[in-house]
PDB file of all heavy atoms in Angstrom:
ATOM      1  N   LEU A   1     -27.693  -8.640 -11.806  1.00  0.00           N
ATOM      2  CA  LEU A   1     -28.221  -7.764 -12.918  1.00  0.00           C
ATOM      3  C   LEU A   1     -27.239  -7.801 -13.943  1.00  0.00           C
ATOM      4  O   LEU A   1     -26.167  -7.435 -13.714  1.00  0.00           O
ATOM      5  CB  LEU A   1     -28.546  -6.362 -12.439  1.00  0.00           C
ATOM      6  CG  LEU A   1     -28.859  -5.386 -13.378  1.00  0.00           C
ATOM      7  CD1 LEU A   1     -30.223  -5.741 -14.085  1.00  0.00           C
ATOM      8  CD2 LEU A   1     -28.810  -4.007 -12.934  1.00  0.00           C
ATOM      9  N   GLN A   2     -27.628  -8.141 -15.172  1.00  0.00           N
ATOM     10  CA  GLN A   2     -26.665  -8.176 -16.342  1.00  0.00           C
ATOM     11  C   GLN A   2     -27.360  -7.448 -17.483  1.00  0.00           C
ATOM     12  O   GLN A   2     -28.531  -7.439 -17.824  1.00  0.00           O
ATOM     13  CB  GLN A   2     -26.500  -9.702 -16.814  1.00  0.00           C
ATOM     14  CG  GLN A   2     -26.027 -10.635 -15.662  1.00  0.00           C
ATOM     15  CD  GLN A   2     -25.880 -11.943 -16.139  1.00  0.00           C
ATOM     16  OE1 GLN A   2     -25.554 -12.338 -17.289  1.00  0.00           O
ATOM     17  NE2 GLN A   2     -25.925 -12.917 -15.294  1.00  0.00           N
ATOM     18  N   ALA A   3     -26.419  -6.628 -18.024  1.00  0.00           N
ATOM     19  CA  ALA A   3     -26.839  -5.672 -19.226  1.00  0.00           C
ATOM     20  C   ALA A   3     -25.628  -5.723 -20.128  1.00  0.00           C
ATOM     21  O   ALA A   3     -24.536  -5.870 -19.936  1.00  0.00           O
ATOM     22  CB  ALA A   3     -27.195  -4.271 -18.723  1.00  0.00           C
ATOM     23  N   SER A   4     -26.031  -5.680 -21.484  1.00  0.00           N
ATOM     24  CA  SER A   4     -25.181  -5.562 -22.581  1.00  0.00           C
ATOM     25  C   SER A   4     -25.519  -4.529 -23.585  1.00  0.00           C
ATOM     26  O   SER A   4     -26.763  -4.305 -23.726  1.00  0.00           O
ATOM     27  CB  SER A   4     -24.895  -6.836 -23.185  1.00  0.00           C
ATOM     28  OG  SER A   4     -26.033  -7.345 -23.751  1.00  0.00           O
ATOM     29  N   LEU A   5     -24.689  -4.017 -24.401  1.00  0.00           N
ATOM     30  CA  LEU A   5     -24.812  -3.081 -25.416  1.00  0.00           C
ATOM     31  C   LEU A   5     -23.957  -3.481 -26.576  1.00  0.00           C
ATOM     32  O   LEU A   5     -22.723  -3.670 -26.439  1.00  0.00           O
ATOM     33  CB  LEU A   5     -24.523  -1.664 -24.991  1.00  0.00           C
ATOM     34  CG  LEU A   5     -24.656  -0.546 -25.949  1.00  0.00           C
ATOM     35  CD1 LEU A   5     -25.997  -0.511 -26.549  1.00  0.00           C
ATOM     36  CD2 LEU A   5     -24.048   0.772 -25.442  1.00  0.00           C
ATOM     37  N   LYS A   6     -24.450  -3.572 -27.730  1.00  0.00           N
ATOM     38  CA  LYS A   6     -23.793  -4.081 -28.951  1.00  0.00           C
ATOM     39  C   LYS A   6     -23.906  -3.026 -30.046  1.00  0.00           C
ATOM     40  O   LYS A   6     -25.016  -2.549 -30.323  1.00  0.00           O
ATOM     41  CB  LYS A   6     -24.268  -5.397 -29.489  1.00  0.00           C
ATOM     42  CG  LYS A   6     -23.356  -5.987 -30.599  1.00  0.00           C
ATOM     43  CD  LYS A   6     -24.150  -7.281 -31.153  1.00  0.00           C
ATOM     44  CE  LYS A   6     -23.894  -8.379 -30.031  1.00  0.00           C
ATOM     45  NZ  LYS A   6     -24.362  -9.663 -30.597  1.00  0.00           N
ATOM     46  N   HIS A   7     -22.793  -2.746 -30.772  1.00  0.00           N
ATOM     47  CA  HIS A   7     -22.917  -1.841 -32.013  1.00  0.00           C
ATOM     48  C   HIS A   7     -21.958  -2.494 -32.914  1.00  0.00           C
ATOM     49  O   HIS A   7     -20.869  -2.966 -32.792  1.00  0.00           O
ATOM     50  CB  HIS A   7     -22.417  -0.518 -31.546  1.00  0.00           C
ATOM     51  CG  HIS A   7     -22.020   0.395 -32.798  1.00  0.00           C
ATOM     52  ND1 HIS A   7     -23.015   0.990 -33.531  1.00  0.00           N
ATOM     53  CD2 HIS A   7     -20.893   0.746 -33.425  1.00  0.00           C
ATOM     54  CE1 HIS A   7     -22.462   1.635 -34.535  1.00  0.00           C
ATOM     55  NE2 HIS A   7     -21.236   1.502 -34.462  1.00  0.00           N
ATOM     56  N   ARG A   8     -22.429  -2.510 -34.194  1.00  0.00           N
ATOM     57  CA  ARG A   8     -21.668  -2.945 -35.291  1.00  0.00           C
ATOM     58  C   ARG A   8     -21.906  -2.148 -36.597  1.00  0.00           C
ATOM     59  O   ARG A   8     -23.117  -1.926 -36.888  1.00  0.00           O
ATOM     60  CB  ARG A   8     -22.059  -4.436 -35.701  1.00  0.00           C
ATOM     61  CG  ARG A   8     -21.259  -5.016 -36.815  1.00  0.00           C
ATOM     62  CD  ARG A   8     -21.851  -6.531 -37.115  1.00  0.00           C
ATOM     63  NE  ARG A   8     -21.504  -7.418 -35.976  1.00  0.00           N
ATOM     64  CZ  ARG A   8     -20.358  -8.112 -35.881  1.00  0.00           C
ATOM     65  NH1 ARG A   8     -19.510  -8.042 -36.821  1.00  0.00           N
ATOM     66  NH2 ARG A   8     -20.199  -8.927 -34.929  1.00  0.00           N
ATOM     67  N   ASP A   9     -20.905  -1.797 -37.277  1.00  0.00           N
ATOM     68  CA  ASP A   9     -20.913  -1.154 -38.535  1.00  0.00           C
ATOM     69  C   ASP A   9     -19.887  -1.627 -39.492  1.00  0.00           C
ATOM     70  O   ASP A   9     -19.139  -2.488 -39.161  1.00  0.00           O
ATOM     71  CB  ASP A   9     -21.330   0.346 -38.615  1.00  0.00           C
ATOM     72  CG  ASP A   9     -20.010   1.124 -37.984  1.00  0.00           C
ATOM     73  OD1 ASP A   9     -18.934   0.516 -38.027  1.00  0.00           O
ATOM     74  OD2 ASP A   9     -20.208   2.179 -37.565  1.00  0.00           O
ATOM     75  N   LYS A  10     -19.593  -0.851 -40.649  1.00  0.00           N
ATOM     76  CA  LYS A  10     -18.696  -1.274 -41.593  1.00  0.00           C
ATOM     77  C   LYS A  10     -17.300  -1.184 -41.067  1.00  0.00           C
ATOM     78  O   LYS A  10     -16.428  -2.140 -41.325  1.00  0.00           O
ATOM     79  CB  LYS A  10     -18.769  -0.404 -42.788  1.00  0.00           C
ATOM     80  CG  LYS A  10     -17.830  -0.816 -43.885  1.00  0.00           C
ATOM     81  CD  LYS A  10     -18.020   0.070 -45.147  1.00  0.00           C
ATOM     82  CE  LYS A  10     -17.061  -0.348 -46.212  1.00  0.00           C
ATOM     83  NZ  LYS A  10     -17.239   0.490 -47.481  1.00  0.00           N
ATOM     84  N   TYR A  11     -16.974  -0.259 -40.225  1.00  0.00           N
ATOM     85  CA  TYR A  11     -15.634  -0.100 -39.866  1.00  0.00           C
ATOM     86  C   TYR A  11     -15.218  -0.424 -38.227  1.00  0.00           C
ATOM     87  O   TYR A  11     -14.116  -0.529 -37.877  1.00  0.00           O
ATOM     88  CB  TYR A  11     -15.076   1.278 -40.032  1.00  0.00           C
ATOM     89  CG  TYR A  11     -14.893   1.626 -41.552  1.00  0.00           C
ATOM     90  CD1 TYR A  11     -15.770   2.436 -42.205  1.00  0.00           C
ATOM     91  CD2 TYR A  11     -13.997   1.084 -42.245  1.00  0.00           C
ATOM     92  CE1 TYR A  11     -15.749   2.707 -43.467  1.00  0.00           C
ATOM     93  CE2 TYR A  11     -13.726   1.384 -43.632  1.00  0.00           C
ATOM     94  CZ  TYR A  11     -14.712   2.166 -44.298  1.00  0.00           C
ATOM     95  OH  TYR A  11     -14.485   2.384 -45.578  1.00  0.00           O
ATOM     96  N   ASP A  12     -16.315  -0.653 -37.483  1.00  0.00           N
ATOM     97  CA  ASP A  12     -16.132  -0.989 -36.134  1.00  0.00           C
ATOM     98  C   ASP A  12     -17.191  -1.767 -35.479  1.00  0.00           C
ATOM     99  O   ASP A  12     -18.339  -1.642 -35.988  1.00  0.00           O
ATOM    100  CB  ASP A  12     -15.830   0.368 -35.218  1.00  0.00           C
ATOM    101  CG  ASP A  12     -16.872   1.374 -35.536  1.00  0.00           C
ATOM    102  OD1 ASP A  12     -18.060   1.222 -34.918  1.00  0.00           O
ATOM    103  OD2 ASP A  12     -16.799   2.380 -36.166  1.00  0.00           O
ATOM    104  N   ASN A  13     -16.878  -2.384 -34.422  1.00  0.00           N
ATOM    105  CA  ASN A  13     -17.864  -3.123 -33.653  1.00  0.00           C
ATOM    106  C   ASN A  13     -17.487  -3.025 -32.179  1.00  0.00           C
ATOM    107  O   ASN A  13     -16.306  -3.198 -31.882  1.00  0.00           O
ATOM    108  CB  ASN A  13     -18.232  -4.506 -34.250  1.00  0.00           C
ATOM    109  CG  ASN A  13     -17.071  -5.378 -34.142  1.00  0.00           C
ATOM    110  OD1 ASN A  13     -16.752  -6.000 -32.987  1.00  0.00           O
ATOM    111  ND2 ASN A  13     -16.312  -5.588 -35.207  1.00  0.00           N
ATOM    112  N   PHE A  14     -18.465  -2.855 -31.338  1.00  0.00           N
ATOM    113  CA  PHE A  14     -18.329  -2.881 -29.916  1.00  0.00           C
ATOM    114  C   PHE A  14     -19.178  -3.768 -29.167  1.00  0.00           C
ATOM    115  O   PHE A  14     -20.493  -3.900 -29.605  1.00  0.00           O
ATOM    116  CB  PHE A  14     -18.456  -1.419 -29.468  1.00  0.00           C
ATOM    117  CG  PHE A  14     -17.462  -0.473 -29.888  1.00  0.00           C
ATOM    118  CD1 PHE A  14     -17.783   0.184 -31.142  1.00  0.00           C
ATOM    119  CD2 PHE A  14     -16.238  -0.149 -29.268  1.00  0.00           C
ATOM    120  CE1 PHE A  14     -16.909   1.181 -31.658  1.00  0.00           C
ATOM    121  CE2 PHE A  14     -15.383   0.815 -29.869  1.00  0.00           C
ATOM    122  CZ  PHE A  14     -15.827   1.490 -30.982  1.00  0.00           C
ATOM    123  N   LEU A  15     -18.804  -4.412 -28.098  1.00  0.00           N
ATOM    124  CA  LEU A  15     -19.689  -5.085 -27.260  1.00  0.00           C
ATOM    125  C   LEU A  15     -19.386  -4.816 -25.786  1.00  0.00           C
ATOM    126  O   LEU A  15     -18.143  -4.948 -25.376  1.00  0.00           O
ATOM    127  CB  LEU A  15     -19.690  -6.708 -27.395  1.00  0.00           C
ATOM    128  CG  LEU A  15     -20.377  -7.517 -26.455  1.00  0.00           C
ATOM    129  CD1 LEU A  15     -21.897  -7.211 -26.702  1.00  0.00           C
ATOM    130  CD2 LEU A  15     -20.139  -8.991 -26.853  1.00  0.00           C
ATOM    131  N   ILE A  16     -20.281  -4.166 -25.077  1.00  0.00           N
ATOM    132  CA  ILE A  16     -19.906  -3.810 -23.622  1.00  0.00           C
ATOM    133  C   ILE A  16     -20.968  -4.554 -22.726  1.00  0.00           C
ATOM    134  O   ILE A  16     -22.233  -4.604 -23.051  1.00  0.00           O
ATOM    135  CB  ILE A  16     -20.220  -2.287 -23.485  1.00  0.00           C
ATOM    136  CG1 ILE A  16     -19.296  -1.469 -24.442  1.00  0.00           C
ATOM    137  CG2 ILE A  16     -20.049  -1.790 -21.991  1.00  0.00           C
ATOM    138  CD1 ILE A  16     -19.602   0.037 -24.461  1.00  0.00           C
ATOM    139  N   GLY A  17     -20.463  -5.315 -21.751  1.00  0.00           N
ATOM    140  CA  GLY A  17     -21.291  -6.036 -20.932  1.00  0.00           C
ATOM    141  C   GLY A  17     -20.954  -5.555 -19.355  1.00  0.00           C
ATOM    142  O   GLY A  17     -19.910  -5.228 -19.024  1.00  0.00           O
ATOM    143  N   TYR A  18     -22.045  -5.443 -18.656  1.00  0.00           N
ATOM    144  CA  TYR A  18     -22.011  -5.036 -17.184  1.00  0.00           C
ATOM    145  C   TYR A  18     -22.754  -6.017 -16.380  1.00  0.00           C
ATOM    146  O   TYR A  18     -23.892  -6.463 -16.649  1.00  0.00           O
ATOM    147  CB  TYR A  18     -22.535  -3.630 -17.062  1.00  0.00           C
ATOM    148  CG  TYR A  18     -22.626  -3.225 -15.455  1.00  0.00           C
ATOM    149  CD1 TYR A  18     -21.516  -2.927 -14.812  1.00  0.00           C
ATOM    150  CD2 TYR A  18     -23.923  -3.261 -14.860  1.00  0.00           C
ATOM    151  CE1 TYR A  18     -21.530  -2.599 -13.543  1.00  0.00           C
ATOM    152  CE2 TYR A  18     -23.875  -2.912 -13.506  1.00  0.00           C
ATOM    153  CZ  TYR A  18     -22.749  -2.480 -12.907  1.00  0.00           C
ATOM    154  OH  TYR A  18     -22.904  -2.252 -11.541  1.00  0.00           O
ATOM    155  N   THR A  19     -22.091  -6.320 -15.298  1.00  0.00           N
ATOM    156  CA  THR A  19     -22.809  -7.433 -14.227  1.00  0.00           C
ATOM    157  C   THR A  19     -22.606  -6.759 -12.857  1.00  0.00           C
ATOM    158  O   THR A  19     -21.519  -6.508 -12.370  1.00  0.00           O
ATOM    159  CB  THR A  19     -22.082  -8.752 -14.323  1.00  0.00           C
ATOM    160  OG1 THR A  19     -22.149  -9.222 -15.710  1.00  0.00           O
ATOM    161  CG2 THR A  19     -22.819  -9.687 -13.364  1.00  0.00           C
ATOM    162  N   TRP A  20     -23.733  -6.747 -12.242  1.00  0.00           N
ATOM    163  CA  TRP A  20     -23.818  -6.420 -10.754  1.00  0.00           C
ATOM    164  C   TRP A  20     -24.330  -7.526 -10.055  1.00  0.00           C
ATOM    165  O   TRP A  20     -25.533  -8.010 -10.267  1.00  0.00           O
ATOM    166  CB  TRP A  20     -24.675  -5.185 -10.607  1.00  0.00           C
ATOM    167  CG  TRP A  20     -24.941  -4.713  -9.200  1.00  0.00           C
ATOM    168  CD1 TRP A  20     -23.951  -4.765  -8.165  1.00  0.00           C
ATOM    169  CD2 TRP A  20     -26.116  -4.173  -8.677  1.00  0.00           C
ATOM    170  NE1 TRP A  20     -24.581  -4.289  -7.024  1.00  0.00           N
ATOM    171  CE2 TRP A  20     -25.844  -3.882  -7.275  1.00  0.00           C
ATOM    172  CE3 TRP A  20     -27.354  -3.835  -9.149  1.00  0.00           C
ATOM    173  CZ2 TRP A  20     -26.733  -3.273  -6.425  1.00  0.00           C
ATOM    174  CZ3 TRP A  20     -28.329  -3.330  -8.336  1.00  0.00           C
ATOM    175  CH2 TRP A  20     -27.951  -3.007  -6.900  1.00  0.00           C
ATOM    176  N   SER A  21     -23.619  -8.234  -9.264  1.00  0.00           N
ATOM    177  CA  SER A  21     -23.889  -9.409  -8.687  1.00  0.00           C
ATOM    178  C   SER A  21     -23.580  -9.757  -7.276  1.00  0.00           C
ATOM    179  O   SER A  21     -22.648  -8.935  -6.782  1.00  0.00           O
ATOM    180  CB  SER A  21     -23.372 -10.569  -9.612  1.00  0.00           C
ATOM    181  OG  SER A  21     -22.023 -10.569  -9.446  1.00  0.00           O
ATOM    182  N   LYS A  22     -23.989 -10.818  -6.603  1.00  0.00           N
ATOM    183  CA  LYS A  22     -23.610 -11.196  -5.321  1.00  0.00           C
ATOM    184  C   LYS A  22     -23.615 -12.680  -5.219  1.00  0.00           C
ATOM    185  O   LYS A  22     -24.744 -13.237  -5.449  1.00  0.00           O
ATOM    186  CB  LYS A  22     -24.354 -10.479  -4.341  1.00  0.00           C
ATOM    187  CG  LYS A  22     -23.884 -10.797  -2.788  1.00  0.00           C
ATOM    188  CD  LYS A  22     -24.562  -9.939  -1.735  1.00  0.00           C
ATOM    189  CE  LYS A  22     -23.926  -9.995  -0.463  1.00  0.00           C
ATOM    190  NZ  LYS A  22     -24.616  -9.242   0.598  1.00  0.00           N
ATOM    191  N   SER A  23     -22.627 -13.351  -4.847  1.00  0.00           N
ATOM    192  CA  SER A  23     -22.644 -14.820  -4.612  1.00  0.00           C
ATOM    193  C   SER A  23     -22.189 -15.010  -3.219  1.00  0.00           C
ATOM    194  O   SER A  23     -21.194 -14.649  -2.703  1.00  0.00           O
ATOM    195  CB  SER A  23     -21.627 -15.528  -5.593  1.00  0.00           C
ATOM    196  OG  SER A  23     -21.575 -16.809  -5.458  1.00  0.00           O
ATOM    197  N   MET A  24     -23.072 -15.889  -2.604  1.00  0.00           N
ATOM    198  CA  MET A  24     -22.723 -16.293  -1.136  1.00  0.00           C
ATOM    199  C   MET A  24     -22.858 -17.813  -0.935  1.00  0.00           C
ATOM    200  O   MET A  24     -23.750 -18.456  -1.604  1.00  0.00           O
ATOM    201  CB  MET A  24     -23.733 -15.610  -0.186  1.00  0.00           C
ATOM    202  CG  MET A  24     -23.606 -14.000  -0.143  1.00  0.00           C
ATOM    203  SD  MET A  24     -24.439 -13.312   1.132  1.00  0.00           S
ATOM    204  CE  MET A  24     -23.457 -13.730   2.573  1.00  0.00           C
ATOM    205  N   ASP A  25     -22.064 -18.312  -0.018  1.00  0.00           N
ATOM    206  CA  ASP A  25     -22.194 -19.772   0.238  1.00  0.00           C
ATOM    207  C   ASP A  25     -21.596 -20.078   1.523  1.00  0.00           C
ATOM    208  O   ASP A  25     -21.018 -19.137   2.215  1.00  0.00           O
ATOM    209  CB  ASP A  25     -21.617 -20.537  -0.867  1.00  0.00           C
ATOM    210  CG  ASP A  25     -20.159 -20.155  -1.146  1.00  0.00           C
ATOM    211  OD1 ASP A  25     -19.356 -20.045  -0.248  1.00  0.00           O
ATOM    212  OD2 ASP A  25     -19.884 -19.952  -2.434  1.00  0.00           O
ATOM    213  N   ASN A  26     -21.487 -21.312   1.938  1.00  0.00           N
ATOM    214  CA  ASN A  26     -20.651 -21.625   3.253  1.00  0.00           C
ATOM    215  C   ASN A  26     -19.454 -22.474   2.871  1.00  0.00           C
ATOM    216  O   ASN A  26     -18.901 -23.287   3.685  1.00  0.00           O
ATOM    217  CB  ASN A  26     -21.600 -22.308   4.210  1.00  0.00           C
ATOM    218  CG  ASN A  26     -22.205 -23.690   3.777  1.00  0.00           C
ATOM    219  OD1 ASN A  26     -21.956 -23.986   2.520  1.00  0.00           O
ATOM    220  ND2 ASN A  26     -22.895 -24.448   4.609  1.00  0.00           N
ATOM    221  N   GLY A  27     -19.085 -22.480   1.604  1.00  0.00           N
ATOM    222  CA  GLY A  27     -17.991 -23.174   1.178  1.00  0.00           C
ATOM    223  C   GLY A  27     -17.882 -23.303  -0.423  1.00  0.00           C
ATOM    224  O   GLY A  27     -18.688 -23.895  -0.984  1.00  0.00           O
ATOM    225  N   SER A  28     -16.898 -22.605  -0.935  1.00  0.00           N
ATOM    226  CA  SER A  28     -16.682 -22.501  -2.334  1.00  0.00           C
ATOM    227  C   SER A  28     -15.280 -22.690  -2.809  1.00  0.00           C
ATOM    228  O   SER A  28     -14.980 -22.558  -4.006  1.00  0.00           O
ATOM    229  CB  SER A  28     -17.223 -21.084  -2.946  1.00  0.00           C
ATOM    230  OG  SER A  28     -16.686 -20.026  -2.263  1.00  0.00           O
ATOM    231  N   ASP A  29     -14.405 -22.974  -1.900  1.00  0.00           N
ATOM    232  CA  ASP A  29     -12.915 -23.154  -2.112  1.00  0.00           C
ATOM    233  C   ASP A  29     -12.625 -24.503  -1.607  1.00  0.00           C
ATOM    234  O   ASP A  29     -13.228 -25.007  -0.739  1.00  0.00           O
ATOM    235  CB  ASP A  29     -12.165 -22.101  -1.515  1.00  0.00           C
ATOM    236  CG  ASP A  29     -10.735 -22.224  -1.840  1.00  0.00           C
ATOM    237  OD1 ASP A  29     -10.256 -21.975  -2.919  1.00  0.00           O
ATOM    238  OD2 ASP A  29      -9.986 -22.757  -0.931  1.00  0.00           O
ATOM    239  N   VAL A  30     -11.764 -25.207  -2.156  1.00  0.00           N
ATOM    240  CA  VAL A  30     -11.258 -26.501  -1.779  1.00  0.00           C
ATOM    241  C   VAL A  30     -10.815 -26.463  -0.278  1.00  0.00           C
ATOM    242  O   VAL A  30     -10.883 -27.465   0.308  1.00  0.00           O
ATOM    243  CB  VAL A  30     -10.113 -27.022  -2.626  1.00  0.00           C
ATOM    244  CG1 VAL A  30      -8.760 -26.251  -2.548  1.00  0.00           C
ATOM    245  CG2 VAL A  30      -9.826 -28.489  -2.512  1.00  0.00           C
ATOM    246  N   PHE A  31     -10.318 -25.380   0.173  1.00  0.00           N
ATOM    247  CA  PHE A  31      -9.861 -25.320   1.508  1.00  0.00           C
ATOM    248  C   PHE A  31     -10.962 -24.893   2.589  1.00  0.00           C
ATOM    249  O   PHE A  31     -10.748 -24.781   3.756  1.00  0.00           O
ATOM    250  CB  PHE A  31      -8.669 -24.389   1.656  1.00  0.00           C
ATOM    251  CG  PHE A  31      -7.415 -24.988   0.953  1.00  0.00           C
ATOM    252  CD1 PHE A  31      -7.089 -24.271  -0.170  1.00  0.00           C
ATOM    253  CD2 PHE A  31      -6.707 -26.070   1.366  1.00  0.00           C
ATOM    254  CE1 PHE A  31      -5.921 -24.732  -0.936  1.00  0.00           C
ATOM    255  CE2 PHE A  31      -5.643 -26.568   0.631  1.00  0.00           C
ATOM    256  CZ  PHE A  31      -5.245 -25.911  -0.499  1.00  0.00           C
ATOM    257  N   ASP A  32     -12.160 -24.540   2.159  1.00  0.00           N
ATOM    258  CA  ASP A  32     -13.142 -24.073   3.007  1.00  0.00           C
ATOM    259  C   ASP A  32     -13.772 -25.216   3.911  1.00  0.00           C
ATOM    260  O   ASP A  32     -13.881 -26.376   3.426  1.00  0.00           O
ATOM    261  CB  ASP A  32     -14.326 -23.479   2.135  1.00  0.00           C
ATOM    262  CG  ASP A  32     -14.183 -22.002   1.714  1.00  0.00           C
ATOM    263  OD1 ASP A  32     -13.198 -21.433   2.151  1.00  0.00           O
ATOM    264  OD2 ASP A  32     -14.962 -21.577   0.850  1.00  0.00           O
ATOM    265  N   SER A  33     -13.954 -24.821   5.114  1.00  0.00           N
ATOM    266  CA  SER A  33     -14.670 -25.751   6.004  1.00  0.00           C
ATOM    267  C   SER A  33     -15.606 -25.019   6.931  1.00  0.00           C
ATOM    268  O   SER A  33     -15.396 -23.872   7.365  1.00  0.00           O
ATOM    269  CB  SER A  33     -13.670 -26.294   7.058  1.00  0.00           C
ATOM    270  OG  SER A  33     -12.599 -27.100   6.315  1.00  0.00           O
ATOM    271  N   SER A  34     -16.827 -25.612   7.013  1.00  0.00           N
ATOM    272  CA  SER A  34     -17.927 -24.957   7.711  1.00  0.00           C
ATOM    273  C   SER A  34     -17.738 -25.103   9.318  1.00  0.00           C
ATOM    274  O   SER A  34     -17.196 -25.990   9.894  1.00  0.00           O
ATOM    275  CB  SER A  34     -19.130 -25.604   7.393  1.00  0.00           C
ATOM    276  OG  SER A  34     -19.429 -25.383   6.021  1.00  0.00           O
ATOM    277  N   ASN A  35     -18.203 -24.106   9.918  1.00  0.00           N
ATOM    278  CA  ASN A  35     -18.232 -24.158  11.309  1.00  0.00           C
ATOM    279  C   ASN A  35     -18.991 -25.423  11.924  1.00  0.00           C
ATOM    280  O   ASN A  35     -20.209 -25.641  11.731  1.00  0.00           O
ATOM    281  CB  ASN A  35     -19.007 -22.846  12.030  1.00  0.00           C
ATOM    282  CG  ASN A  35     -18.887 -22.781  13.457  1.00  0.00           C
ATOM    283  OD1 ASN A  35     -19.071 -23.614  14.223  1.00  0.00           O
ATOM    284  ND2 ASN A  35     -18.793 -21.546  13.915  1.00  0.00           N
ATOM    285  N   PRO A  36     -18.434 -26.291  12.576  1.00  0.00           N
ATOM    286  CA  PRO A  36     -19.103 -27.592  12.920  1.00  0.00           C
ATOM    287  C   PRO A  36     -20.229 -27.526  13.964  1.00  0.00           C
ATOM    288  O   PRO A  36     -21.039 -28.294  14.065  1.00  0.00           O
ATOM    289  CB  PRO A  36     -17.899 -28.430  13.516  1.00  0.00           C
ATOM    290  CG  PRO A  36     -17.035 -27.417  14.064  1.00  0.00           C
ATOM    291  CD  PRO A  36     -17.084 -26.311  13.164  1.00  0.00           C
ATOM    292  N   TYR A  37     -20.198 -26.363  14.692  1.00  0.00           N
ATOM    293  CA  TYR A  37     -21.269 -26.088  15.797  1.00  0.00           C
ATOM    294  C   TYR A  37     -22.420 -25.279  15.149  1.00  0.00           C
ATOM    295  O   TYR A  37     -23.540 -25.442  15.616  1.00  0.00           O
ATOM    296  CB  TYR A  37     -20.688 -25.391  16.941  1.00  0.00           C
ATOM    297  CG  TYR A  37     -19.363 -25.982  17.489  1.00  0.00           C
ATOM    298  CD1 TYR A  37     -18.090 -25.352  17.457  1.00  0.00           C
ATOM    299  CD2 TYR A  37     -19.436 -27.316  17.947  1.00  0.00           C
ATOM    300  CE1 TYR A  37     -16.987 -25.974  18.003  1.00  0.00           C
ATOM    301  CE2 TYR A  37     -18.293 -27.909  18.534  1.00  0.00           C
ATOM    302  CZ  TYR A  37     -17.088 -27.185  18.364  1.00  0.00           C
ATOM    303  OH  TYR A  37     -15.950 -27.873  18.999  1.00  0.00           O
ATOM    304  N   ASN A  38     -22.024 -24.357  14.246  1.00  0.00           N
ATOM    305  CA  ASN A  38     -23.093 -23.444  13.654  1.00  0.00           C
ATOM    306  C   ASN A  38     -22.784 -23.306  12.222  1.00  0.00           C
ATOM    307  O   ASN A  38     -22.170 -22.190  11.881  1.00  0.00           O
ATOM    308  CB  ASN A  38     -23.156 -22.254  14.363  1.00  0.00           C
ATOM    309  CG  ASN A  38     -24.257 -21.365  13.991  1.00  0.00           C
ATOM    310  OD1 ASN A  38     -25.113 -21.754  13.033  1.00  0.00           O
ATOM    311  ND2 ASN A  38     -24.293 -20.114  14.463  1.00  0.00           N
ATOM    312  N   PRO A  39     -23.145 -24.181  11.290  1.00  0.00           N
ATOM    313  CA  PRO A  39     -22.797 -23.979   9.858  1.00  0.00           C
ATOM    314  C   PRO A  39     -23.171 -22.757   9.209  1.00  0.00           C
ATOM    315  O   PRO A  39     -22.587 -22.196   8.326  1.00  0.00           O
ATOM    316  CB  PRO A  39     -23.461 -25.221   9.239  1.00  0.00           C
ATOM    317  CG  PRO A  39     -23.537 -26.228  10.412  1.00  0.00           C
ATOM    318  CD  PRO A  39     -23.829 -25.431  11.631  1.00  0.00           C
ATOM    319  N   SER A  40     -24.347 -22.206   9.724  1.00  0.00           N
ATOM    320  CA  SER A  40     -24.794 -20.931   9.119  1.00  0.00           C
ATOM    321  C   SER A  40     -23.866 -19.769   9.375  1.00  0.00           C
ATOM    322  O   SER A  40     -23.833 -18.789   8.657  1.00  0.00           O
ATOM    323  CB  SER A  40     -26.168 -20.549   9.720  1.00  0.00           C
ATOM    324  OG  SER A  40     -26.052 -20.387  11.204  1.00  0.00           O
ATOM    325  N   GLN A  41     -23.056 -19.914  10.374  1.00  0.00           N
ATOM    326  CA  GLN A  41     -22.069 -18.814  10.712  1.00  0.00           C
ATOM    327  C   GLN A  41     -20.916 -18.798   9.755  1.00  0.00           C
ATOM    328  O   GLN A  41     -20.259 -17.734   9.509  1.00  0.00           O
ATOM    329  CB  GLN A  41     -21.349 -19.077  12.039  1.00  0.00           C
ATOM    330  CG  GLN A  41     -20.484 -17.748  12.497  1.00  0.00           C
ATOM    331  CD  GLN A  41     -19.947 -18.009  13.886  1.00  0.00           C
ATOM    332  OE1 GLN A  41     -20.679 -18.518  14.817  1.00  0.00           O
ATOM    333  NE2 GLN A  41     -18.841 -17.490  14.266  1.00  0.00           N
ATOM    334  N   SER A  42     -20.705 -19.905   8.989  1.00  0.00           N
ATOM    335  CA  SER A  42     -19.679 -19.873   7.829  1.00  0.00           C
ATOM    336  C   SER A  42     -20.269 -19.362   6.631  1.00  0.00           C
ATOM    337  O   SER A  42     -19.446 -19.193   5.514  1.00  0.00           O
ATOM    338  CB  SER A  42     -19.338 -21.256   7.537  1.00  0.00           C
ATOM    339  OG  SER A  42     -18.707 -21.912   8.663  1.00  0.00           O
ATOM    340  N   ARG A  43     -21.407 -18.959   6.510  1.00  0.00           N
ATOM    341  CA  ARG A  43     -22.089 -18.407   5.259  1.00  0.00           C
ATOM    342  C   ARG A  43     -21.412 -16.866   5.071  1.00  0.00           C
ATOM    343  O   ARG A  43     -21.462 -16.139   5.881  1.00  0.00           O
ATOM    344  CB  ARG A  43     -23.595 -18.185   5.332  1.00  0.00           C
ATOM    345  CG  ARG A  43     -24.257 -17.781   4.041  1.00  0.00           C
ATOM    346  CD  ARG A  43     -25.749 -17.936   4.212  1.00  0.00           C
ATOM    347  NE  ARG A  43     -26.389 -17.217   3.040  1.00  0.00           N
ATOM    348  CZ  ARG A  43     -26.553 -17.734   1.910  1.00  0.00           C
ATOM    349  NH1 ARG A  43     -26.017 -18.998   1.566  1.00  0.00           N
ATOM    350  NH2 ARG A  43     -27.108 -17.158   0.867  1.00  0.00           N
ATOM    351  N   ALA A  44     -20.854 -16.707   3.877  1.00  0.00           N
ATOM    352  CA  ALA A  44     -20.095 -15.640   3.468  1.00  0.00           C
ATOM    353  C   ALA A  44     -20.091 -15.430   1.987  1.00  0.00           C
ATOM    354  O   ALA A  44     -20.556 -16.203   1.277  1.00  0.00           O
ATOM    355  CB  ALA A  44     -18.698 -15.586   4.169  1.00  0.00           C
ATOM    356  N   LEU A  45     -19.329 -14.355   1.539  1.00  0.00           N
ATOM    357  CA  LEU A  45     -19.060 -14.178   0.246  1.00  0.00           C
ATOM    358  C   LEU A  45     -18.340 -15.350  -0.431  1.00  0.00           C
ATOM    359  O   LEU A  45     -17.467 -15.906   0.253  1.00  0.00           O
ATOM    360  CB  LEU A  45     -18.341 -12.865  -0.113  1.00  0.00           C
ATOM    361  CG  LEU A  45     -19.152 -11.531   0.334  1.00  0.00           C
ATOM    362  CD1 LEU A  45     -18.135 -10.439  -0.012  1.00  0.00           C
ATOM    363  CD2 LEU A  45     -20.361 -11.374  -0.643  1.00  0.00           C
TER     364      LEU A  45
END
């Protein structure tokens, strides 16, 4: 979920962004290796 709020006038401007998220996989790092017997068990953040 992504939301932003922007304000601009003569003397100031603001930009505020908020993200609420979740990312999952069974390998996202160069050193990640999946469980060879049950790859689904390696699914994690």
